Amino acid sequence: MMDPKVLDDIAKQLSAAVPEDLHKLRDDLQKNFRAILSSAFSRMSLVTREEFDAQQSVLTRTREKLEALEERLKEMEKNL
């Protein structure tokens, strides 16, 4: 899930880029931008940095175990 503060910041930046004569609509635009961004990000398969790092760590450990098992298998095959 995307951090709501990040969505708010992006929505504010987008609404700030609106031409001056439309600034009266800034609050409405900001709410609409936030809703659109939230909807778009929720449809994406995004993960947090913490989740990514945790999965990367699991993958590294799994790869190390697999390599160790491959070595053991080679040794066992050699002894047969």
C-alpha atoms as a PDB file:
ATOM      1  CA  MET A   1       0.000   0.000   0.000  1.00  0.00           C
ATOM      2  CA  MET A   2       1.269   3.427  -0.928  1.00  0.00           C
ATOM      3  CA  ASP A   3       1.945   5.886   1.884  1.00  0.00           C
ATOM      4  CA  PRO A   4      -0.974   8.369   2.034  1.00  0.00           C
ATOM      5  CA  LYS A   5       1.482  11.228   2.661  1.00  0.00           C
ATOM      6  CA  VAL A   6       3.239  10.469  -0.613  1.00  0.00           C
ATOM      7  CA  LEU A   7      -0.094  10.547  -2.454  1.00  0.00           C
ATOM      8  CA  ASP A   8      -0.953  13.864  -0.793  1.00  0.00           C
ATOM      9  CA  ASP A   9       2.418  15.339  -1.759  1.00  0.00           C
ATOM     10  CA  ILE A  10       2.055  14.270  -5.392  1.00  0.00           C
ATOM     11  CA  ALA A  11      -1.518  15.595  -5.520  1.00  0.00           C
ATOM     12  CA  LYS A  12      -0.350  18.950  -4.092  1.00  0.00           C
ATOM     13  CA  GLN A  13       2.417  19.182  -6.670  1.00  0.00           C
ATOM     14  CA  LEU A  14      -0.022  18.457  -9.481  1.00  0.00           C
ATOM     15  CA  SER A  15      -2.537  20.999  -8.241  1.00  0.00           C
ATOM     16  CA  ALA A  16       0.240  23.589  -7.863  1.00  0.00           C
ATOM     17  CA  ALA A  17       1.058  23.121 -11.547  1.00  0.00           C
ATOM     18  CA  VAL A  18      -2.453  24.169 -12.562  1.00  0.00           C
ATOM     19  CA  PRO A  19      -2.678  27.563 -14.324  1.00  0.00           C
ATOM     20  CA  GLU A  20      -3.384  30.567 -12.082  1.00  0.00           C
ATOM     21  CA  ASP A  21      -6.936  31.149 -13.297  1.00  0.00           C
ATOM     22  CA  LEU A  22      -7.884  27.644 -12.123  1.00  0.00           C
ATOM     23  CA  HIS A  23      -6.455  27.979  -8.619  1.00  0.00           C
ATOM     24  CA  LYS A  24      -9.947  28.536  -7.239  1.00  0.00           C
ATOM     25  CA  LEU A  25     -10.515  24.883  -7.993  1.00  0.00           C
ATOM     26  CA  ARG A  26      -7.264  23.805  -6.313  1.00  0.00           C
ATOM     27  CA  ASP A  27      -8.852  21.919  -3.403  1.00  0.00           C
ATOM     28  CA  ASP A  28     -11.214  20.007  -5.689  1.00  0.00           C
ATOM     29  CA  LEU A  29      -8.405  19.254  -8.120  1.00  0.00           C
ATOM     30  CA  GLN A  30      -6.141  18.087  -5.318  1.00  0.00           C
ATOM     31  CA  LYS A  31      -8.824  15.697  -4.007  1.00  0.00           C
ATOM     32  CA  ASN A  32      -9.458  14.385  -7.522  1.00  0.00           C
ATOM     33  CA  PHE A  33      -5.732  13.980  -8.229  1.00  0.00           C
ATOM     34  CA  ARG A  34      -5.319  12.072  -4.964  1.00  0.00           C
ATOM     35  CA  ALA A  35      -8.240   9.756  -5.767  1.00  0.00           C
ATOM     36  CA  ILE A  36      -6.932   9.070  -9.264  1.00  0.00           C
ATOM     37  CA  LEU A  37      -3.401   8.405  -8.009  1.00  0.00           C
ATOM     38  CA  SER A  38      -4.652   6.163  -5.213  1.00  0.00           C
ATOM     39  CA  SER A  39      -6.741   4.169  -7.661  1.00  0.00           C
ATOM     40  CA  ALA A  40      -3.882   3.835 -10.146  1.00  0.00           C
ATOM     41  CA  PHE A  41      -1.347   2.782  -7.520  1.00  0.00           C
ATOM     42  CA  SER A  42      -3.725   0.265  -5.945  1.00  0.00           C
ATOM     43  CA  ARG A  43      -4.012  -1.537  -9.300  1.00  0.00           C
ATOM     44  CA  MET A  44      -0.239  -1.879  -9.543  1.00  0.00           C
ATOM     45  CA  SER A  45       1.724  -4.636  -7.904  1.00  0.00           C
ATOM     46  CA  LEU A  46       3.827  -2.340  -5.747  1.00  0.00           C
ATOM     47  CA  VAL A  47       5.593  -3.319  -2.544  1.00  0.00           C
ATOM     48  CA  THR A  48       7.312  -1.266   0.110  1.00  0.00           C
ATOM     49  CA  ARG A  49      11.096  -1.104   0.317  1.00  0.00           C
ATOM     50  CA  GLU A  50      10.917  -3.123   3.552  1.00  0.00           C
ATOM     51  CA  GLU A  51       8.917  -5.898   1.874  1.00  0.00           C
ATOM     52  CA  PHE A  52      11.302  -5.913  -1.083  1.00  0.00           C
ATOM     53  CA  ASP A  53      14.371  -6.116   1.167  1.00  0.00           C
ATOM     54  CA  ALA A  54      12.816  -8.927   3.225  1.00  0.00           C
ATOM     55  CA  GLN A  55      12.049 -10.966   0.095  1.00  0.00           C
ATOM     56  CA  GLN A  56      15.511 -10.305  -1.285  1.00  0.00           C
ATOM     57  CA  SER A  57      16.994 -11.634   1.961  1.00  0.00           C
ATOM     58  CA  VAL A  58      14.826 -14.767   1.781  1.00  0.00           C
ATOM     59  CA  LEU A  59      15.881 -15.316  -1.836  1.00  0.00           C
ATOM     60  CA  THR A  60      19.568 -14.945  -0.952  1.00  0.00           C
ATOM     61  CA  ARG A  61      19.295 -17.487   1.883  1.00  0.00           C
ATOM     62  CA  THR A  62      17.359 -19.893  -0.354  1.00  0.00           C
ATOM     63  CA  ARG A  63      19.955 -19.583  -3.101  1.00  0.00           C
ATOM     64  CA  GLU A  64      22.750 -20.308  -0.591  1.00  0.00           C
ATOM     65  CA  LYS A  65      20.924 -23.396   0.697  1.00  0.00           C
ATOM     66  CA  LEU A  66      20.328 -24.617  -2.853  1.00  0.00           C
ATOM     67  CA  GLU A  67      24.009 -24.242  -3.714  1.00  0.00           C
ATOM     68  CA  ALA A  68      24.999 -26.127  -0.561  1.00  0.00           C
ATOM     69  CA  LEU A  69      22.559 -28.928  -1.396  1.00  0.00           C
ATOM     70  CA  GLU A  70      23.904 -29.117  -4.955  1.00  0.00           C
ATOM     71  CA  GLU A  71      27.431 -29.517  -3.563  1.00  0.00           C
ATOM     72  CA  ARG A  72      26.281 -32.261  -1.179  1.00  0.00           C
ATOM     73  CA  LEU A  73      24.536 -34.046  -4.047  1.00  0.00           C
ATOM     74  CA  LYS A  74      27.703 -33.870  -6.176  1.00  0.00           C
ATOM     75  CA  GLU A  75      29.719 -35.366  -3.313  1.00  0.00           C
ATOM     76  CA  MET A  76      27.161 -38.141  -2.795  1.00  0.00           C
ATOM     77  CA  GLU A  77      27.131 -38.941  -6.526  1.00  0.00           C
ATOM     78  CA  LYS A  78      30.931 -39.008  -6.530  1.00  0.00           C
ATOM     79  CA  ASN A  79      30.943 -41.511  -3.656  1.00  0.00           C
ATOM     80  CA  LEU A  80      28.574 -43.866  -5.461  1.00  0.00           C
END
